[in-house]
Amino acid sequence: MSTYKLNYTDSFVNGDANGLRSNPESGFSDLSSLAQSEKAVQELLIQQTPMQATDDHLIEFSEALRTVAKALRGSAEGKALAQAEAAEWKRRYELERSKNLELLHKVPLNGVHAEESHSHGMDHSAKSPRLRVQENGKLGRHSMERICSHEVLQDGEYNSCNGGNNKLKRKASFKLSWGCKGQANDQHKKEIVSFERGNITTADRSSKQISLTWESNPQNVLIFTKPNSTSVRVLSVEMVRWLREHKGLDIYVEPRVKAELLSESSYFDFLQTWEDDKEISLLHPKVDLVITLGGDGTVLWAASMFKGPVPPIVPFSMGSLGFMTPFHSEQYRECLEAVLRGPISITLRHRLQCHIIRDKARHDYETEENMLVLNEVTIDRGISSYLTNLECYCDNSFVTCVQGDGLILSTTSGSTAYSLAAGGSMVHPQVPGILFTPICPHSLSFRPLILPDHVTVRVQVPFNSRSSAWVSFDGKGRKQLEAGDALVCSMAPWPVSTACQVESTNDFLRSIHDGLHWNLRKTQNSDGPRD
C-alpha cells in the first residue's frame, strides 16, 4: 500500500527562491546555484558588450540582466542574514530556557526574586521566540500540557526609583494548560503560542487548507456505488475498464457490484471484494484511494465501512444534492488523472464517536459498540406522542433539559443536513466543533449551540421520563433508549478526508449556492428613489 503525507500550505514556508537550499544546522544558505546563475549573467553581459553602442534593445536587455543579478544577490544575502539571526536567537532561547529551568527548583511559581531575574535577563530588542506545544498521544485523566510564563518572560525595562537603584521588572507568573477532563483517549491539538511581554497570540490554526501529496503511486482503489441506478452502473463499468487498462490499478468493489458486473461479462473477474465483516475491517491497510459514485449518502456509506482511519475519498456527484461530492462524472478521467498524480487539496471532515451506556450495566465501561458518524446523531421521541425529556451534560457540567421532539448532535459536515432543517447554522466543514441543535423545542428561548470539539456530550433519559427515546446514527442503526440510559458523544480521532475540486472553502460555498440556492433573490433596481 502506498503512503501519503499531509502538507499545510503556507505561503511563507513555500516562498523560498528557487535554487536556494537551506542548511538548518548553521542557519546559512547554500549560494552555489546563485553564484552560477550570476556568473552566467555576467558572461552574457560580456558577450553583448561590443554591440551596446549599436543596438538600443541590447542595451536595455543588458541593464535588465544586471538588475536581475543584483536582486538575486540581495535576496540571497538577506535570506542568509535572516537565517543566521534566527539560529542565534534559537541558541539564546535554549540557553535562557535551561537557566530558567534551573531556577524552577529554587523559586516558587507565584513569584520570582528581582536579583535572580536581573542576572538571567533576556534581550528584548527582538520578539520572543515562539514555542510549539507538542501533542501527547495518550494523556491520563485530568492530565495537562503546560507552559509557564517565567520560562520565557523577562521584561528588560529598568526602574530608577528607590534611590536610583536599578531593579528589573518581572511579569507575574502564569501558565497555559492544554487538555480537558475526560477519558484517556481525549484528543489534544497542537498549537503555536507566542509570548510578547505577557501578550498571548496563537497562529497556524488546525483549520488551514490542507493538501495531499503521494509519496508513492497508488496501487489499490476501492469503488462504492449507489444501488438501483442505471446511470451509476454504466459509469462504473466504464471507470473500472479505464482504471484497469490505462492505470493498471487493482480494484476492490462491493460484493453486489462484482456480481452485477460478472453477469454482464467474465472480463471483470479481476475485481476483488470481501465476504464477511472481518475482511471489511482489513480494507484500510489494503486500499490507497476510495471512489464514490452517487450522492452524499454514498459518501456516508463509504465512511461507515471504516471503523478507524479512512483512506482519501474522491466523491463524484450522481445524486440529488452534492454538499460532499464536488466532482462531476462527465470529467472523471481528467479528475482521476489529477488525483492520482497529486498534489490535491482535501477537506478533513470530523466524525463523532458515540456509544450507549445502559442503566442495567453494572459499570460505566460496560458500553455497547462504538458508532462513528459523519453527519449527525439524532435523538427523537419515535412513535410516542409525549415530549422527549432529555438531560444534557457537557464534560459533566449540566447544559439543559430538552423538552420537544428531540435533539441533534451534528458535525460541521452535517450542518447542511438535518441540523439545518431544524434551524441550526451552516458551518464550514473544517471548523472543529459539535453542533447542539434542538428539534421543535417547547421553548421560545431554546437556540442552537456550537460547542468546541474537545468536549464530551452526555445525553441521558431521566428516570421520571414519560416515555423512552430513540437514537439513530447518520439515519441508520436505530436503537431505543430506556429510562436511565445515556448516549455519550465526543470527537473521533479519525477524520474523513475528501478530495476538493478547487479547495475546501470554494467547494463549500459552491455547494450551498448550487444545492440550496442560498440567498438567491432578484437584484434591486438601480432606478428607484435615492437618498
Protein backbone atom coordinates (compact mmCIF):
# COMPACT_ATOMS: atom_id res chain seq x y z
CA MET A 1 0.00 0.00 0.00
CA SER A 2 1.27 3.43 -0.78
CA THR A 3 1.83 6.09 1.83
CA TYR A 4 0.86 9.71 1.70
CA LYS A 5 1.52 12.84 3.69
CA LEU A 6 -0.43 15.98 4.52
CA ASN A 7 1.23 19.33 3.79
CA TYR A 8 -0.10 22.52 5.37
CA THR A 9 0.04 25.13 2.61
CA ASP A 10 1.88 28.19 3.86
CA SER A 11 2.99 30.94 1.52
CA PHE A 12 5.80 31.92 3.91
CA VAL A 13 7.28 28.41 4.01
CA ASN A 14 7.00 27.90 0.27
CA GLY A 15 8.28 31.37 -0.59
CA ASP A 16 11.98 30.47 -0.81
CA ALA A 17 13.70 31.42 -4.03
CA ASN A 18 14.33 28.55 -6.43
CA GLY A 19 17.83 27.18 -6.32
CA LEU A 20 18.48 28.09 -2.65
CA ARG A 21 18.96 25.17 -0.27
CA SER A 22 18.72 25.92 3.44
CA ASN A 23 21.10 24.44 5.96
CA PRO A 24 19.22 24.20 9.28
CA GLU A 25 22.36 23.35 11.25
CA SER A 26 24.30 26.51 10.51
CA GLY A 27 21.45 28.82 9.58
CA PHE A 28 23.13 29.87 6.30
CA SER A 29 22.09 29.17 2.69
CA ASP A 30 23.99 27.31 0.02
CA LEU A 31 24.67 30.02 -2.57
CA SER A 32 26.45 27.86 -5.15
CA SER A 33 23.49 27.77 -7.53
CA LEU A 34 23.05 31.54 -7.20
CA ALA A 35 26.73 32.11 -7.95
CA GLN A 36 26.46 30.02 -11.08
CA SER A 37 23.38 31.97 -12.20
CA GLU A 38 25.11 35.29 -11.58
CA LYS A 39 28.24 34.10 -13.43
CA ALA A 40 26.12 33.15 -16.42
CA VAL A 41 24.54 36.60 -16.39
CA GLN A 42 27.98 38.27 -16.30
CA GLU A 43 29.24 36.13 -19.19
CA LEU A 44 26.20 37.07 -21.23
CA LEU A 45 26.85 40.75 -20.46
CA ILE A 46 30.47 40.44 -21.64
CA GLN A 47 29.34 38.81 -24.87
CA GLN A 48 26.91 41.63 -25.52
CA THR A 49 29.38 44.47 -24.72
CA PRO A 50 30.62 45.13 -28.32
CA MET A 51 27.09 45.61 -29.54
CA GLN A 52 25.90 48.02 -26.82
CA ALA A 53 26.74 51.09 -28.85
CA THR A 54 24.85 49.88 -31.92
CA ASP A 55 21.68 48.36 -30.63
CA ASP A 56 19.44 50.13 -28.07
CA HIS A 57 17.44 46.96 -27.41
CA LEU A 58 20.55 45.06 -26.37
CA ILE A 59 21.49 47.89 -24.03
CA GLU A 60 18.09 47.70 -22.32
CA PHE A 61 18.36 43.93 -22.14
CA SER A 62 21.82 44.15 -20.55
CA GLU A 63 20.58 46.61 -17.93
CA ALA A 64 17.66 44.30 -17.15
CA LEU A 65 20.04 41.37 -16.65
CA ARG A 66 22.18 43.43 -14.29
CA THR A 67 19.09 44.36 -12.29
CA VAL A 68 18.05 40.71 -12.04
CA ALA A 69 21.53 39.67 -10.90
CA LYS A 70 21.57 42.43 -8.27
CA ALA A 71 18.13 41.42 -6.98
CA LEU A 72 19.12 37.76 -6.72
CA ARG A 73 22.28 38.67 -4.83
CA GLY A 74 20.38 40.90 -2.41
CA SER A 75 17.73 38.26 -1.83
CA ALA A 76 20.31 35.60 -1.07
CA GLU A 77 22.23 37.85 1.31
CA GLY A 78 19.03 38.83 3.10
CA LYS A 79 17.96 35.21 3.45
CA ALA A 80 21.36 34.20 4.82
CA LEU A 81 21.29 37.09 7.30
CA ALA A 82 17.77 36.20 8.47
CA GLN A 83 18.65 32.55 8.93
CA ALA A 84 21.79 33.42 10.86
CA GLU A 85 19.79 35.72 13.13
CA ALA A 86 17.16 33.01 13.64
CA ALA A 87 19.85 30.48 14.56
CA GLU A 88 21.38 32.92 17.05
CA TRP A 89 18.01 33.59 18.69
CA LYS A 90 17.36 29.85 18.88
CA ARG A 91 20.69 29.38 20.64
CA ARG A 92 19.92 32.24 23.07
CA TYR A 93 16.47 30.84 23.76
CA GLU A 94 17.77 27.34 24.52
CA LEU A 95 20.42 28.81 26.82
CA GLU A 96 17.90 31.03 28.61
CA ARG A 97 15.39 28.22 28.95
CA SER A 98 17.96 25.91 30.53
CA LYS A 99 18.83 28.64 33.06
CA ASN A 100 15.18 29.24 33.92
CA LEU A 101 14.54 25.52 34.33
CA GLU A 102 17.30 25.53 36.96
CA LEU A 103 15.55 28.41 38.71
CA LEU A 104 12.31 26.41 38.86
CA HIS A 105 13.81 24.29 41.64
CA LYS A 106 14.74 27.40 43.65
CA VAL A 107 11.91 29.91 43.01
CA PRO A 108 8.18 29.24 43.71
CA LEU A 109 5.65 29.54 40.85
CA ASN A 110 3.87 32.55 42.37
CA GLY A 111 6.85 34.86 42.42
CA VAL A 112 10.45 35.49 41.28
CA HIS A 113 13.18 37.43 43.08
CA ALA A 114 14.33 40.55 41.27
CA GLU A 115 18.02 39.88 41.95
CA GLU A 116 17.88 36.44 40.30
CA SER A 117 15.88 37.70 37.34
CA HIS A 118 18.39 40.50 36.80
CA SER A 119 21.22 38.03 36.31
CA HIS A 120 19.21 35.95 33.83
CA GLY A 121 17.52 38.69 31.82
CA MET A 122 16.81 38.35 28.11
CA ASP A 123 17.48 40.96 25.48
CA HIS A 124 14.04 42.02 24.22
CA SER A 125 15.27 44.10 21.29
CA ALA A 126 13.52 41.50 19.14
CA LYS A 127 10.36 39.48 19.66
CA SER A 128 10.40 36.47 21.96
CA PRO A 129 10.72 33.15 20.15
CA ARG A 130 7.63 31.06 19.57
CA LEU A 131 7.03 27.79 21.36
CA ARG A 132 5.40 24.75 19.81
CA VAL A 133 3.33 22.67 22.22
CA GLN A 134 3.90 19.05 21.26
CA GLU A 135 1.00 16.66 21.22
CA ASN A 136 0.97 13.92 23.85
CA GLY A 137 -0.59 10.83 22.36
CA LYS A 138 -2.25 9.28 25.45
CA LEU A 139 -2.78 11.50 28.45
CA GLY A 140 -4.36 10.24 31.63
CA ARG A 141 -7.44 11.63 33.30
CA HIS A 142 -7.13 15.32 34.23
CA SER A 143 -3.65 15.48 32.65
CA MET A 144 -2.43 18.70 31.05
CA GLU A 145 0.40 20.12 28.99
CA ARG A 146 1.76 23.37 30.40
CA ILE A 147 3.91 26.33 29.53
CA CYS A 148 4.97 28.59 32.40
CA SER A 149 5.41 32.28 31.70
CA HIS A 150 8.59 32.65 33.75
CA GLU A 151 10.28 30.25 31.35
CA VAL A 152 10.21 32.83 28.59
CA LEU A 153 9.07 36.18 30.01
CA GLN A 154 11.69 38.52 31.38
CA ASP A 155 10.93 42.17 30.80
CA GLY A 156 14.10 44.16 30.19
CA GLU A 157 12.77 47.50 31.43
CA TYR A 158 14.52 49.09 34.43
CA ASN A 159 13.25 51.40 37.13
CA SER A 160 15.39 54.13 38.72
CA CYS A 161 13.16 54.56 41.79
CA ASN A 162 14.15 53.81 45.38
CA GLY A 163 17.24 55.96 45.49
CA GLY A 164 18.37 55.29 41.94
CA ASN A 165 18.83 51.53 42.44
CA ASN A 166 18.09 49.75 39.18
CA LYS A 167 15.63 46.91 39.61
CA LEU A 168 14.40 44.58 36.90
CA LYS A 169 10.64 44.42 36.49
CA ARG A 170 9.13 40.98 36.04
CA LYS A 171 5.77 39.94 34.69
CA ALA A 172 3.57 38.00 37.07
CA SER A 173 3.99 34.25 36.61
CA PHE A 174 1.25 32.37 34.77
CA LYS A 175 0.88 29.11 32.89
CA LEU A 176 -1.18 27.83 29.94
CA SER A 177 -2.60 24.31 30.01
CA TRP A 178 -3.81 22.14 27.15
CA GLY A 179 -6.24 19.33 27.72
CA CYS A 180 -9.60 18.69 29.30
CA LYS A 181 -11.22 16.46 31.86
CA GLY A 182 -12.29 13.19 30.37
CA GLN A 183 -11.15 9.81 29.20
CA ALA A 184 -7.59 8.83 28.49
CA ASN A 185 -8.15 8.84 24.73
CA ASP A 186 -9.10 12.51 24.56
CA GLN A 187 -7.56 14.22 21.53
CA HIS A 188 -5.20 17.15 22.16
CA LYS A 189 -4.42 19.55 19.34
CA LYS A 190 -1.13 21.24 18.56
CA GLU A 191 -0.98 24.99 18.84
CA ILE A 192 1.73 27.58 18.34
CA VAL A 193 1.79 30.14 21.14
CA SER A 194 3.98 33.22 21.34
CA PHE A 195 4.65 35.41 24.36
CA GLU A 196 5.39 39.06 23.76
CA ARG A 197 5.68 40.96 27.05
CA GLY A 198 2.81 38.98 28.53
CA ASN A 199 0.53 39.14 25.47
CA ILE A 200 -0.61 35.76 24.17
CA THR A 201 -1.15 35.14 20.46
CA THR A 202 -1.80 31.96 18.50
CA ALA A 203 -1.07 31.09 14.89
CA ASP A 204 -1.20 28.18 12.43
CA ARG A 205 -4.69 27.02 13.28
CA SER A 206 -5.68 23.42 12.51
CA SER A 207 -8.36 24.54 10.04
CA LYS A 208 -5.81 25.78 7.49
CA GLN A 209 -6.25 24.50 3.93
CA ILE A 210 -4.58 21.09 3.57
CA SER A 211 -3.07 19.36 0.56
CA LEU A 212 -2.22 15.70 0.00
CA THR A 213 0.93 14.59 -1.82
CA TRP A 214 1.56 10.96 -2.75
CA GLU A 215 4.95 9.60 -1.72
CA SER A 216 4.42 6.57 -3.96
CA ASN A 217 1.93 5.82 -6.71
CA PRO A 218 -1.48 4.49 -5.58
CA GLN A 219 -1.99 0.84 -6.46
CA ASN A 220 -5.32 -0.20 -4.87
CA VAL A 221 -8.65 1.58 -5.38
CA LEU A 222 -11.99 0.84 -3.71
CA ILE A 223 -15.19 1.90 -5.54
CA PHE A 224 -18.55 2.38 -3.82
CA THR A 225 -21.65 2.89 -5.99
CA LYS A 226 -25.23 3.96 -5.35
CA PRO A 227 -27.54 0.93 -5.81
CA ASN A 228 -30.51 0.71 -8.21
CA SER A 229 -29.20 3.40 -10.56
CA THR A 230 -28.73 2.70 -14.26
CA SER A 231 -26.51 5.74 -14.87
CA VAL A 232 -24.24 4.79 -11.96
CA ARG A 233 -23.94 1.22 -13.23
CA VAL A 234 -22.99 2.36 -16.75
CA LEU A 235 -20.36 4.75 -15.39
CA SER A 236 -18.93 2.14 -13.02
CA VAL A 237 -18.36 -0.27 -15.93
CA GLU A 238 -16.56 2.38 -17.95
CA MET A 239 -14.50 3.63 -14.99
CA VAL A 240 -13.40 0.13 -13.97
CA ARG A 241 -12.19 -0.62 -17.52
CA TRP A 242 -10.27 2.65 -17.72
CA LEU A 243 -8.60 2.27 -14.31
CA ARG A 244 -7.57 -1.29 -15.11
CA GLU A 245 -6.38 -0.87 -18.71
CA HIS A 246 -4.86 2.61 -18.61
CA LYS A 247 -3.69 2.88 -14.99
CA GLY A 248 -3.05 -0.77 -14.12
CA LEU A 249 -4.69 -0.46 -10.70
CA ASP A 250 -6.06 -3.25 -8.50
CA ILE A 251 -9.75 -2.55 -7.93
CA TYR A 252 -11.98 -3.51 -5.00
CA VAL A 253 -15.78 -3.32 -5.23
CA GLU A 254 -18.71 -4.38 -3.09
CA PRO A 255 -19.93 -7.99 -3.47
CA ARG A 256 -23.16 -6.72 -5.03
CA VAL A 257 -21.26 -4.71 -7.67
CA LYS A 258 -18.96 -7.61 -8.58
CA ALA A 259 -21.95 -9.92 -9.08
CA GLU A 260 -23.64 -7.33 -11.33
CA LEU A 261 -20.52 -6.82 -13.47
CA LEU A 262 -19.79 -10.54 -13.79
CA SER A 263 -23.35 -11.07 -15.01
CA GLU A 264 -22.51 -8.80 -17.96
CA SER A 265 -19.06 -10.20 -18.84
CA SER A 266 -16.44 -12.54 -17.44
CA TYR A 267 -13.87 -9.82 -18.20
CA PHE A 268 -14.46 -8.39 -14.71
CA ASP A 269 -13.17 -11.49 -12.97
CA PHE A 270 -10.10 -9.50 -11.83
CA LEU A 271 -12.26 -7.45 -9.42
CA GLN A 272 -11.61 -8.08 -5.73
CA THR A 273 -14.22 -7.97 -2.95
CA TRP A 274 -14.90 -9.29 0.56
CA GLU A 275 -17.20 -11.87 2.07
CA ASP A 276 -17.73 -11.01 5.75
CA ASP A 277 -17.25 -8.23 8.30
CA LYS A 278 -13.81 -9.49 9.30
CA GLU A 279 -12.47 -8.81 5.80
CA ILE A 280 -14.08 -5.37 5.80
CA SER A 281 -12.03 -4.43 8.87
CA LEU A 282 -8.86 -5.19 6.85
CA LEU A 283 -9.72 -2.82 3.99
CA HIS A 284 -7.81 0.20 5.25
CA PRO A 285 -4.31 -1.40 5.15
CA LYS A 286 -5.01 -2.55 1.57
CA VAL A 287 -6.75 0.46 -0.02
CA ASP A 288 -4.96 3.64 -1.15
CA LEU A 289 -7.94 5.54 -2.51
CA VAL A 290 -11.74 5.36 -2.31
CA ILE A 291 -14.03 6.47 -5.16
CA THR A 292 -17.75 7.02 -4.60
CA LEU A 293 -20.34 7.21 -7.38
CA GLY A 294 -23.57 8.69 -6.02
CA GLY A 295 -24.61 11.46 -3.65
CA ASP A 296 -23.77 12.41 -0.10
CA GLY A 297 -25.40 9.20 1.13
CA THR A 298 -22.84 7.15 -0.76
CA VAL A 299 -20.03 9.09 0.96
CA LEU A 300 -21.65 8.38 4.35
CA TRP A 301 -21.89 4.69 3.47
CA ALA A 302 -18.25 4.56 2.37
CA ALA A 303 -17.08 6.28 5.58
CA SER A 304 -19.13 3.88 7.73
CA MET A 305 -17.21 0.91 6.30
CA PHE A 306 -14.05 2.05 8.12
CA LYS A 307 -14.13 1.83 11.91
CA GLY A 308 -10.80 3.61 12.24
CA PRO A 309 -8.64 5.55 9.76
CA VAL A 310 -10.23 6.26 6.37
CA PRO A 311 -8.33 6.45 3.05
CA PRO A 312 -8.78 9.63 0.98
CA ILE A 313 -12.17 9.70 -0.76
CA VAL A 314 -12.82 11.06 -4.29
CA PRO A 315 -16.60 11.69 -4.40
CA PHE A 316 -18.39 12.01 -7.77
CA SER A 317 -21.77 13.73 -7.85
CA MET A 318 -24.53 11.47 -9.18
CA GLY A 319 -27.26 12.23 -6.63
CA SER A 320 -29.78 14.94 -5.83
CA LEU A 321 -27.62 17.09 -3.51
CA GLY A 322 -23.85 17.36 -3.51
CA PHE A 323 -22.50 19.06 -0.37
CA MET A 324 -19.69 16.49 -0.18
CA THR A 325 -19.44 15.50 -3.88
CA PRO A 326 -17.68 18.28 -5.84
CA PHE A 327 -16.54 16.18 -8.84
CA HIS A 328 -18.67 15.77 -11.97
CA SER A 329 -18.92 12.32 -13.55
CA GLU A 330 -18.58 13.67 -17.10
CA GLN A 331 -14.92 14.61 -16.49
CA TYR A 332 -14.00 11.57 -14.39
CA ARG A 333 -10.86 10.80 -16.43
CA GLU A 334 -9.37 14.29 -16.00
CA CYS A 335 -10.31 14.34 -12.32
CA LEU A 336 -8.77 10.95 -11.55
CA GLU A 337 -5.65 11.82 -13.56
CA ALA A 338 -5.12 14.87 -11.33
CA VAL A 339 -5.89 12.96 -8.14
CA LEU A 340 -3.55 10.06 -8.92
CA ARG A 341 -0.80 12.48 -9.94
CA GLY A 342 -1.22 14.84 -6.96
CA PRO A 343 -0.90 17.00 -5.01
CA ILE A 344 -4.58 17.68 -4.30
CA SER A 345 -6.47 19.83 -1.82
CA ILE A 346 -8.52 17.88 0.71
CA THR A 347 -11.15 18.62 3.34
CA LEU A 348 -10.74 16.96 6.72
CA ARG A 349 -14.28 16.14 7.84
CA HIS A 350 -14.56 15.39 11.55
CA ARG A 351 -16.57 12.44 12.84
CA LEU A 352 -18.38 11.82 16.13
CA GLN A 353 -17.64 8.76 18.22
CA CYS A 354 -20.73 7.60 20.12
CA HIS A 355 -21.63 4.81 22.49
CA ILE A 356 -24.64 3.92 24.65
CA ILE A 357 -24.44 3.24 28.38
CA ARG A 358 -27.35 1.15 29.63
CA ASP A 359 -28.77 1.67 33.08
CA LYS A 360 -28.68 -2.09 33.66
CA ALA A 361 -24.90 -2.10 33.14
CA ARG A 362 -23.05 -2.60 36.41
CA HIS A 363 -20.16 -0.28 35.42
CA ASP A 364 -19.72 2.71 33.09
CA TYR A 365 -17.18 0.85 30.97
CA GLU A 366 -19.78 -1.81 30.11
CA THR A 367 -20.96 0.00 27.00
CA GLU A 368 -22.19 -1.04 23.60
CA GLU A 369 -20.10 -0.94 20.43
CA ASN A 370 -18.81 2.47 19.37
CA MET A 371 -20.56 4.13 16.44
CA LEU A 372 -18.81 6.61 14.12
CA VAL A 373 -20.98 9.21 12.38
CA LEU A 374 -20.03 11.74 9.73
CA ASN A 375 -23.25 13.79 9.72
CA GLU A 376 -25.24 13.64 12.95
CA VAL A 377 -26.68 11.69 15.86
CA THR A 378 -30.44 12.17 16.22
CA ILE A 379 -32.38 11.51 19.44
CA ASP A 380 -36.17 11.71 18.96
CA ARG A 381 -39.43 10.59 20.60
CA GLY A 382 -40.16 7.91 17.99
CA ILE A 383 -43.81 6.85 17.82
CA SER A 384 -44.61 8.27 21.26
CA SER A 385 -46.99 11.22 21.46
CA TYR A 386 -45.24 12.64 24.55
CA LEU A 387 -42.48 15.24 24.50
CA THR A 388 -38.95 13.94 24.66
CA ASN A 389 -37.34 14.54 28.03
CA LEU A 390 -33.52 14.57 27.80
CA GLU A 391 -30.92 15.73 30.32
CA CYS A 392 -27.78 17.06 28.63
CA TYR A 393 -24.30 17.39 30.12
CA CYS A 394 -21.06 18.79 28.69
CA ASP A 395 -17.91 17.50 30.41
CA ASN A 396 -20.05 16.65 33.47
CA SER A 397 -21.48 20.18 33.58
CA PHE A 398 -25.26 20.40 33.24
CA VAL A 399 -26.31 22.12 29.99
CA THR A 400 -30.09 21.95 29.80
CA CYS A 401 -33.13 19.70 29.76
CA VAL A 402 -34.53 19.17 26.25
CA GLN A 403 -38.32 19.03 26.06
CA GLY A 404 -39.54 18.78 22.48
CA ASP A 405 -39.34 16.41 19.55
CA GLY A 406 -35.67 15.62 20.13
CA LEU A 407 -32.06 16.72 19.81
CA ILE A 408 -29.39 16.67 17.07
CA LEU A 409 -25.68 16.37 17.78
CA SER A 410 -24.06 17.20 14.46
CA THR A 411 -20.60 17.58 12.99
CA THR A 412 -19.83 20.65 10.92
CA SER A 413 -20.02 18.48 7.79
CA GLY A 414 -23.58 17.61 8.83
CA SER A 415 -24.52 21.24 9.44
CA THR A 416 -26.18 21.35 6.00
CA ALA A 417 -28.27 18.22 6.70
CA TYR A 418 -30.89 17.58 9.42
CA SER A 419 -29.39 20.26 11.69
CA LEU A 420 -30.04 22.92 9.04
CA ALA A 421 -33.66 21.79 8.66
CA ALA A 422 -34.09 22.11 12.45
CA GLY A 423 -32.82 25.70 12.47
CA GLY A 424 -29.09 25.21 13.00
CA SER A 425 -26.34 27.24 11.38
CA MET A 426 -24.36 26.30 8.30
CA VAL A 427 -20.72 25.83 9.33
CA HIS A 428 -17.61 25.32 7.22
CA PRO A 429 -16.75 21.59 7.36
CA GLN A 430 -13.16 22.17 8.54
CA VAL A 431 -14.25 24.18 11.59
CA PRO A 432 -13.77 21.83 14.57
CA GLY A 433 -16.92 21.77 16.66
CA ILE A 434 -20.09 19.93 17.71
CA LEU A 435 -23.49 21.42 16.80
CA PHE A 436 -26.15 21.17 19.53
CA THR A 437 -29.50 21.68 17.77
CA PRO A 438 -32.94 21.04 19.34
CA ILE A 439 -35.81 19.64 17.26
CA CYS A 440 -39.05 21.61 17.74
CA PRO A 441 -38.31 22.62 21.37
CA HIS A 442 -41.26 23.65 23.53
CA SER A 443 -39.47 26.86 24.47
CA LEU A 444 -39.11 30.15 22.60
CA SER A 445 -35.63 30.83 24.03
CA PHE A 446 -34.02 27.48 23.15
CA ARG A 447 -31.47 28.46 20.49
CA PRO A 448 -28.88 26.14 18.87
CA LEU A 449 -25.34 25.97 20.24
CA ILE A 450 -21.91 25.25 18.75
CA LEU A 451 -19.62 23.52 21.24
CA PRO A 452 -15.82 23.09 20.97
CA ASP A 453 -14.53 19.85 19.57
CA HIS A 454 -12.69 18.67 22.70
CA VAL A 455 -15.78 18.33 24.92
CA THR A 456 -17.72 15.15 25.70
CA VAL A 457 -21.51 15.43 25.47
CA ARG A 458 -23.73 13.11 27.53
CA VAL A 459 -27.47 12.87 26.84
CA GLN A 460 -29.48 10.86 29.36
CA VAL A 461 -33.13 9.83 29.58
CA PRO A 462 -34.19 10.65 33.17
CA PHE A 463 -35.98 8.10 35.31
CA ASN A 464 -39.09 10.30 35.53
CA SER A 465 -39.47 10.47 31.71
CA ARG A 466 -42.96 9.53 30.47
CA SER A 467 -41.57 7.57 27.54
CA SER A 468 -38.37 6.22 26.07
CA ALA A 469 -36.35 7.85 23.28
CA TRP A 470 -34.82 6.59 20.05
CA VAL A 471 -31.37 7.32 18.67
CA SER A 472 -30.10 6.92 15.09
CA PHE A 473 -26.59 7.34 13.69
CA ASP A 474 -26.41 9.00 10.26
CA GLY A 475 -30.01 7.93 9.73
CA LYS A 476 -29.46 4.22 10.46
CA GLY A 477 -28.69 1.83 13.30
CA ARG A 478 -31.77 2.98 15.21
CA LYS A 479 -31.74 1.99 18.91
CA GLN A 480 -34.06 2.58 21.85
CA LEU A 481 -33.03 4.48 24.98
CA GLU A 482 -34.92 3.47 28.11
CA ALA A 483 -35.14 5.49 31.32
CA GLY A 484 -31.65 5.72 32.83
CA ASP A 485 -29.83 5.01 29.57
CA ALA A 486 -27.31 7.56 28.29
CA LEU A 487 -25.66 8.42 24.98
CA VAL A 488 -22.06 9.69 25.13
CA CYS A 489 -20.57 11.55 22.14
CA SER A 490 -17.11 13.00 21.54
CA MET A 491 -14.97 13.90 18.54
CA ALA A 492 -13.40 10.83 16.92
CA PRO A 493 -9.65 10.84 16.28
CA TRP A 494 -10.11 9.62 12.67
CA PRO A 495 -11.45 12.28 10.28
CA VAL A 496 -12.66 11.58 6.76
CA SER A 497 -10.53 13.25 4.08
CA THR A 498 -12.40 14.09 0.87
CA ALA A 499 -10.71 15.46 -2.25
CA CYS A 500 -11.57 19.00 -3.35
CA GLN A 501 -12.18 20.11 -6.91
CA VAL A 502 -10.70 23.57 -6.22
CA GLU A 503 -10.18 23.96 -2.46
CA SER A 504 -12.25 23.48 0.68
CA THR A 505 -13.85 26.92 1.01
CA ASN A 506 -14.59 27.28 -2.71
CA ASP A 507 -16.25 23.85 -2.83
CA PHE A 508 -18.33 24.57 0.30
CA LEU A 509 -19.63 27.92 -0.93
CA ARG A 510 -20.43 26.49 -4.37
CA SER A 511 -22.34 23.61 -2.78
CA ILE A 512 -24.65 25.85 -0.74
CA HIS A 513 -25.22 28.12 -3.75
CA ASP A 514 -25.99 25.26 -6.14
CA GLY A 515 -27.71 22.90 -3.71
CA LEU A 516 -29.73 25.31 -1.57
CA HIS A 517 -29.80 28.45 -3.77
CA TRP A 518 -28.57 30.27 -0.68
CA ASN A 519 -29.55 33.99 -0.57
CA LEU A 520 -30.80 33.92 -4.14
CA ARG A 521 -33.11 36.84 -4.99
CA LYS A 522 -33.68 39.38 -7.69
CA THR A 523 -31.30 42.33 -7.58
CA GLN A 524 -32.85 45.63 -6.56
CA ASN A 525 -33.36 48.05 -9.46
CA SER A 526 -30.97 50.98 -9.58
CA ASP A 527 -33.57 53.48 -10.95
CA GLY A 528 -35.56 53.80 -7.70
CA PRO A 529 -35.56 56.63 -5.14
CA ARG A 530 -32.20 57.74 -3.75
CA ASP A 531 -31.02 59.45 -0.56
